[in-house]
Amino acid sequence: AEALAIRDADIAACRAMGERGADLVADLAGRVPVSVMTICNTGGLAAVERGTALGVVQTLHERGHLTEAFPLETRPLLQGARLTCWELDAMGAPHRLLVDSAGPFLLQRGLADAVLAGADRIAANGDTANKVGTFSLALAARRAGVPFLIDAPESTVDQATPDGASIEIEDRGPDEVVGVLGHATAPEGTGALNPAFDVTPHDLITAIVTEARVWRPDEPAPGVR
């Protein structure tokens, strides 16, 4: 019974994030339909159903408000290519895959109306840890004048972590970087740095969307409700 209650709460939270996030994207863009860019996997495979950032994409698609989604491949494990594209295809949403390094440039060229990302942890001040490459998208979105939104459940907000500098970032070793899915791409013995995550400062985040609220960085950081 407890497991089913947790399942149902997660599904309800993802649906609420999707609805609130889709409303906010349309409001910030000032029109629909819209195109969005995203990174890593934040759909039903990462949750119970629908997901967080990809749940917003699904809601936009179901409303007829999605022109196209642009997932990044998400090096080095390619979660965007292997998982997010599969989920977008399953929901029938139009999409094209981007190499990670193309995302910032294409934002500057006006490819997307908003960037949607998930979060592995949100510090008390709004600094956000997510898959490596998210920080680059946030910088590019600010330069391009494109809204950058974090979509994550309230449980991701960690009041015991004051800021992003307090979040320990895992380095997963060189193997994932010097090869792709088990195939070597660099000379034997090549070293590598492989941070699994990066931290986006709160001042680059347009808003953090949870199942309960929209938290804007220009507002005082609220406690968890």
Protein backbone atom coordinates (compact mmCIF):
# COMPACT_ATOMS: atom_id res chain seq x y z
CA ALA A 1 0.00 0.00 0.00
CA GLU A 2 2.84 2.37 0.83
CA ALA A 3 4.58 1.61 -2.45
CA LEU A 4 1.41 2.33 -4.40
CA ALA A 5 0.91 5.59 -2.49
CA ILE A 6 4.48 6.65 -3.37
CA ARG A 7 3.84 5.74 -7.01
CA ASP A 8 0.62 7.73 -7.16
CA ALA A 9 2.23 10.76 -5.48
CA ASP A 10 5.08 10.72 -8.00
CA ILE A 11 2.70 10.50 -10.96
CA ALA A 12 0.62 13.39 -9.56
CA ALA A 13 3.76 15.46 -8.96
CA CYS A 14 5.04 14.90 -12.49
CA ARG A 15 1.67 15.78 -13.99
CA ALA A 16 1.52 18.97 -11.88
CA MET A 17 5.06 19.94 -12.94
CA GLY A 18 4.09 19.36 -16.55
CA GLU A 19 1.00 21.53 -16.35
CA ARG A 20 2.69 24.34 -14.42
CA GLY A 21 5.79 24.21 -16.61
CA ALA A 22 3.84 24.23 -19.88
CA ASP A 23 1.83 27.24 -18.69
CA LEU A 24 5.03 29.08 -17.78
CA VAL A 25 6.78 28.31 -21.08
CA ALA A 26 3.83 29.66 -23.04
CA ASP A 27 3.66 32.74 -20.83
CA LEU A 28 7.39 33.50 -21.10
CA ALA A 29 7.47 32.89 -24.84
CA GLY A 30 4.38 35.05 -25.31
CA ARG A 31 2.96 32.62 -27.86
CA VAL A 32 2.33 29.02 -28.80
CA PRO A 33 3.35 26.73 -30.32
CA VAL A 34 6.95 26.73 -29.07
CA SER A 35 10.19 24.84 -29.62
CA VAL A 36 12.21 23.69 -26.61
CA MET A 37 15.70 22.35 -25.93
CA THR A 38 16.53 19.83 -23.21
CA ILE A 39 19.44 17.76 -21.89
CA CYS A 40 19.82 14.26 -20.43
CA ASN A 41 16.81 12.06 -19.64
CA THR A 42 14.00 13.50 -17.55
CA GLY A 43 11.01 11.49 -18.77
CA GLY A 44 9.07 8.49 -17.56
CA LEU A 45 12.19 6.33 -17.57
CA ALA A 46 13.62 8.62 -14.89
CA ALA A 47 10.38 8.74 -12.89
CA VAL A 48 7.23 6.61 -12.75
CA GLU A 49 5.35 8.28 -15.59
CA ARG A 50 5.80 11.43 -17.70
CA GLY A 51 8.85 12.76 -15.82
CA THR A 52 10.00 16.26 -14.93
CA ALA A 53 11.40 18.45 -17.72
CA LEU A 54 10.27 15.97 -20.38
CA GLY A 55 6.88 15.92 -18.69
CA VAL A 56 6.61 19.61 -19.58
CA VAL A 57 7.46 18.73 -23.19
CA GLN A 58 4.81 16.00 -23.17
CA THR A 59 2.19 18.40 -21.82
CA LEU A 60 3.05 20.98 -24.47
CA HIS A 61 2.76 18.26 -27.12
CA GLU A 62 -0.60 17.01 -25.81
CA ARG A 63 -1.94 20.57 -25.87
CA GLY A 64 -0.83 21.02 -29.47
CA HIS A 65 1.62 23.69 -28.32
CA LEU A 66 4.90 22.01 -29.30
CA THR A 67 6.54 22.81 -32.62
CA GLU A 68 9.63 20.68 -32.00
CA ALA A 69 11.85 19.37 -29.21
CA PHE A 70 15.64 19.44 -29.44
CA PRO A 71 17.27 16.95 -27.05
CA LEU A 72 21.04 17.07 -26.62
CA GLU A 73 22.86 13.75 -27.01
CA THR A 74 24.30 14.15 -23.47
CA ARG A 75 27.89 12.93 -23.54
CA PRO A 76 29.46 10.73 -22.44
CA LEU A 77 26.71 8.16 -21.78
CA LEU A 78 24.29 9.53 -24.40
CA GLN A 79 21.16 9.47 -22.24
CA GLY A 80 19.59 12.12 -24.46
CA ALA A 81 20.20 10.12 -27.61
CA ARG A 82 19.46 6.66 -26.23
CA LEU A 83 16.61 7.42 -23.85
CA THR A 84 15.04 10.85 -24.43
CA CYS A 85 14.75 10.37 -28.18
CA TRP A 86 13.09 7.00 -27.57
CA GLU A 87 10.56 8.63 -25.24
CA LEU A 88 9.87 11.52 -27.62
CA ASP A 89 9.30 9.03 -30.41
CA ALA A 90 6.96 6.99 -28.20
CA MET A 91 4.83 10.06 -27.44
CA GLY A 92 4.80 11.10 -31.08
CA ALA A 93 6.48 14.43 -30.41
CA PRO A 94 8.47 15.98 -33.29
CA HIS A 95 12.15 16.14 -32.39
CA ARG A 96 15.69 16.32 -33.73
CA LEU A 97 18.82 15.28 -31.86
CA LEU A 98 21.69 17.74 -31.30
CA VAL A 99 25.32 17.15 -30.38
CA ASP A 100 26.02 18.77 -27.02
CA SER A 101 28.35 21.44 -28.36
CA ALA A 102 25.77 22.63 -30.90
CA GLY A 103 23.19 23.58 -28.29
CA PRO A 104 24.59 26.97 -27.21
CA PHE A 105 25.26 28.08 -30.79
CA LEU A 106 21.79 27.08 -31.98
CA LEU A 107 20.17 28.89 -29.06
CA GLN A 108 21.93 32.03 -30.24
CA ARG A 109 20.48 31.38 -33.71
CA GLY A 110 16.94 31.27 -32.27
CA LEU A 111 16.31 27.53 -32.56
CA ALA A 112 14.39 27.20 -29.28
CA ASP A 113 12.01 29.36 -27.27
CA ALA A 114 13.03 27.84 -23.93
CA VAL A 115 15.50 25.45 -22.34
CA LEU A 116 14.10 22.82 -19.96
CA ALA A 117 16.34 20.88 -17.58
CA GLY A 118 15.87 18.60 -14.60
CA ALA A 119 17.86 18.63 -11.36
CA ASP A 120 19.64 16.11 -9.19
CA ARG A 121 19.83 18.59 -6.33
CA ILE A 122 18.73 22.16 -5.74
CA ALA A 123 20.58 24.09 -3.04
CA ALA A 124 18.77 26.36 -0.61
CA ASN A 125 19.75 29.45 -2.61
CA GLY A 126 18.55 27.97 -5.93
CA ASP A 127 21.91 26.84 -7.33
CA THR A 128 21.17 23.63 -9.22
CA ALA A 129 23.18 20.49 -9.90
CA ASN A 130 22.27 18.59 -13.06
CA LYS A 131 23.91 16.55 -15.81
CA VAL A 132 27.17 18.05 -17.04
CA GLY A 133 26.46 20.40 -19.93
CA THR A 134 23.52 22.10 -18.23
CA PHE A 135 25.63 25.07 -17.10
CA SER A 136 26.73 25.71 -20.69
CA LEU A 137 23.11 25.79 -21.82
CA ALA A 138 22.22 28.21 -19.03
CA LEU A 139 25.01 30.57 -20.07
CA ALA A 140 23.94 30.35 -23.69
CA ALA A 141 20.29 30.88 -22.82
CA ARG A 142 21.15 34.05 -20.89
CA ARG A 143 23.20 35.36 -23.83
CA ALA A 144 20.39 34.55 -26.27
CA GLY A 145 17.63 35.94 -24.06
CA VAL A 146 15.91 32.54 -23.86
CA PRO A 147 14.16 31.39 -20.65
CA PHE A 148 16.07 28.68 -18.77
CA LEU A 149 13.79 26.56 -16.57
CA ILE A 150 14.55 23.86 -14.03
CA ASP A 151 11.77 21.30 -13.53
CA ALA A 152 12.15 19.08 -10.48
CA PRO A 153 10.14 17.81 -7.51
CA GLU A 154 10.14 19.56 -4.15
CA SER A 155 12.13 16.65 -2.75
CA THR A 156 15.10 17.82 -4.85
CA VAL A 157 15.35 21.08 -2.87
CA ASP A 158 17.93 20.52 -0.11
CA GLN A 159 17.71 23.16 2.60
CA ALA A 160 20.77 21.61 4.28
CA THR A 161 22.91 22.54 1.25
CA PRO A 162 23.34 26.33 1.29
CA ASP A 163 24.68 26.78 -2.26
CA GLY A 164 26.13 25.01 -5.26
CA ALA A 165 29.68 25.21 -3.97
CA SER A 166 28.60 22.81 -1.21
CA ILE A 167 27.52 20.11 -3.67
CA GLU A 168 30.13 17.41 -4.20
CA ILE A 169 30.50 16.54 -7.88
CA GLU A 170 31.30 12.93 -8.78
CA ASP A 171 34.12 12.25 -11.23
CA ARG A 172 33.37 8.94 -12.93
CA GLY A 173 36.88 8.30 -14.24
CA PRO A 174 38.27 8.28 -17.78
CA ASP A 175 36.72 5.13 -19.26
CA GLU A 176 33.46 6.80 -20.32
CA VAL A 177 35.33 9.68 -21.99
CA VAL A 178 38.11 7.91 -23.87
CA GLY A 179 35.58 5.60 -25.53
CA VAL A 180 31.95 5.51 -26.59
CA LEU A 181 29.79 2.65 -25.28
CA GLY A 182 32.79 0.36 -24.98
CA HIS A 183 34.55 1.40 -28.21
CA ALA A 184 37.89 3.21 -27.75
CA THR A 185 38.10 6.65 -29.37
CA ALA A 186 41.34 7.93 -27.78
CA PRO A 187 44.83 6.43 -27.66
CA GLU A 188 45.42 3.88 -24.93
CA GLY A 189 46.56 5.50 -21.71
CA THR A 190 44.80 8.83 -22.34
CA GLY A 191 43.63 10.45 -19.11
CA ALA A 192 40.39 12.37 -18.74
CA LEU A 193 38.32 14.44 -16.37
CA ASN A 194 34.75 13.19 -16.22
CA PRO A 195 32.46 15.22 -13.91
CA ALA A 196 29.03 13.61 -14.05
CA PHE A 197 27.28 16.84 -13.11
CA ASP A 198 27.78 20.58 -13.11
CA VAL A 199 26.21 23.38 -11.09
CA THR A 200 24.19 26.21 -12.59
CA PRO A 201 24.16 29.37 -10.42
CA HIS A 202 20.69 30.52 -9.46
CA ASP A 203 21.11 33.89 -11.19
CA LEU A 204 21.15 32.09 -14.57
CA ILE A 205 17.87 30.29 -13.85
CA THR A 206 14.69 32.00 -14.98
CA ALA A 207 12.52 29.85 -12.73
CA ILE A 208 12.46 26.56 -10.85
CA VAL A 209 9.20 24.68 -11.38
CA THR A 210 8.08 22.05 -8.86
CA GLU A 211 4.77 20.30 -8.31
CA ALA A 212 3.87 22.98 -5.76
CA ARG A 213 5.20 26.29 -7.03
CA VAL A 214 7.22 28.40 -9.41
CA TRP A 215 10.31 29.73 -7.66
CA ARG A 216 11.93 32.70 -9.40
CA PRO A 217 15.55 33.55 -8.50
CA ASP A 218 14.72 37.23 -7.96
CA GLU A 219 12.46 36.24 -5.07
CA PRO A 220 13.67 35.25 -1.59
CA ALA A 221 14.48 31.54 -1.44
CA PRO A 222 11.45 29.90 0.21
CA GLY A 223 11.47 26.83 2.39
CA VAL A 224 10.06 23.55 1.20
CA ARG A 225 6.29 23.47 1.37
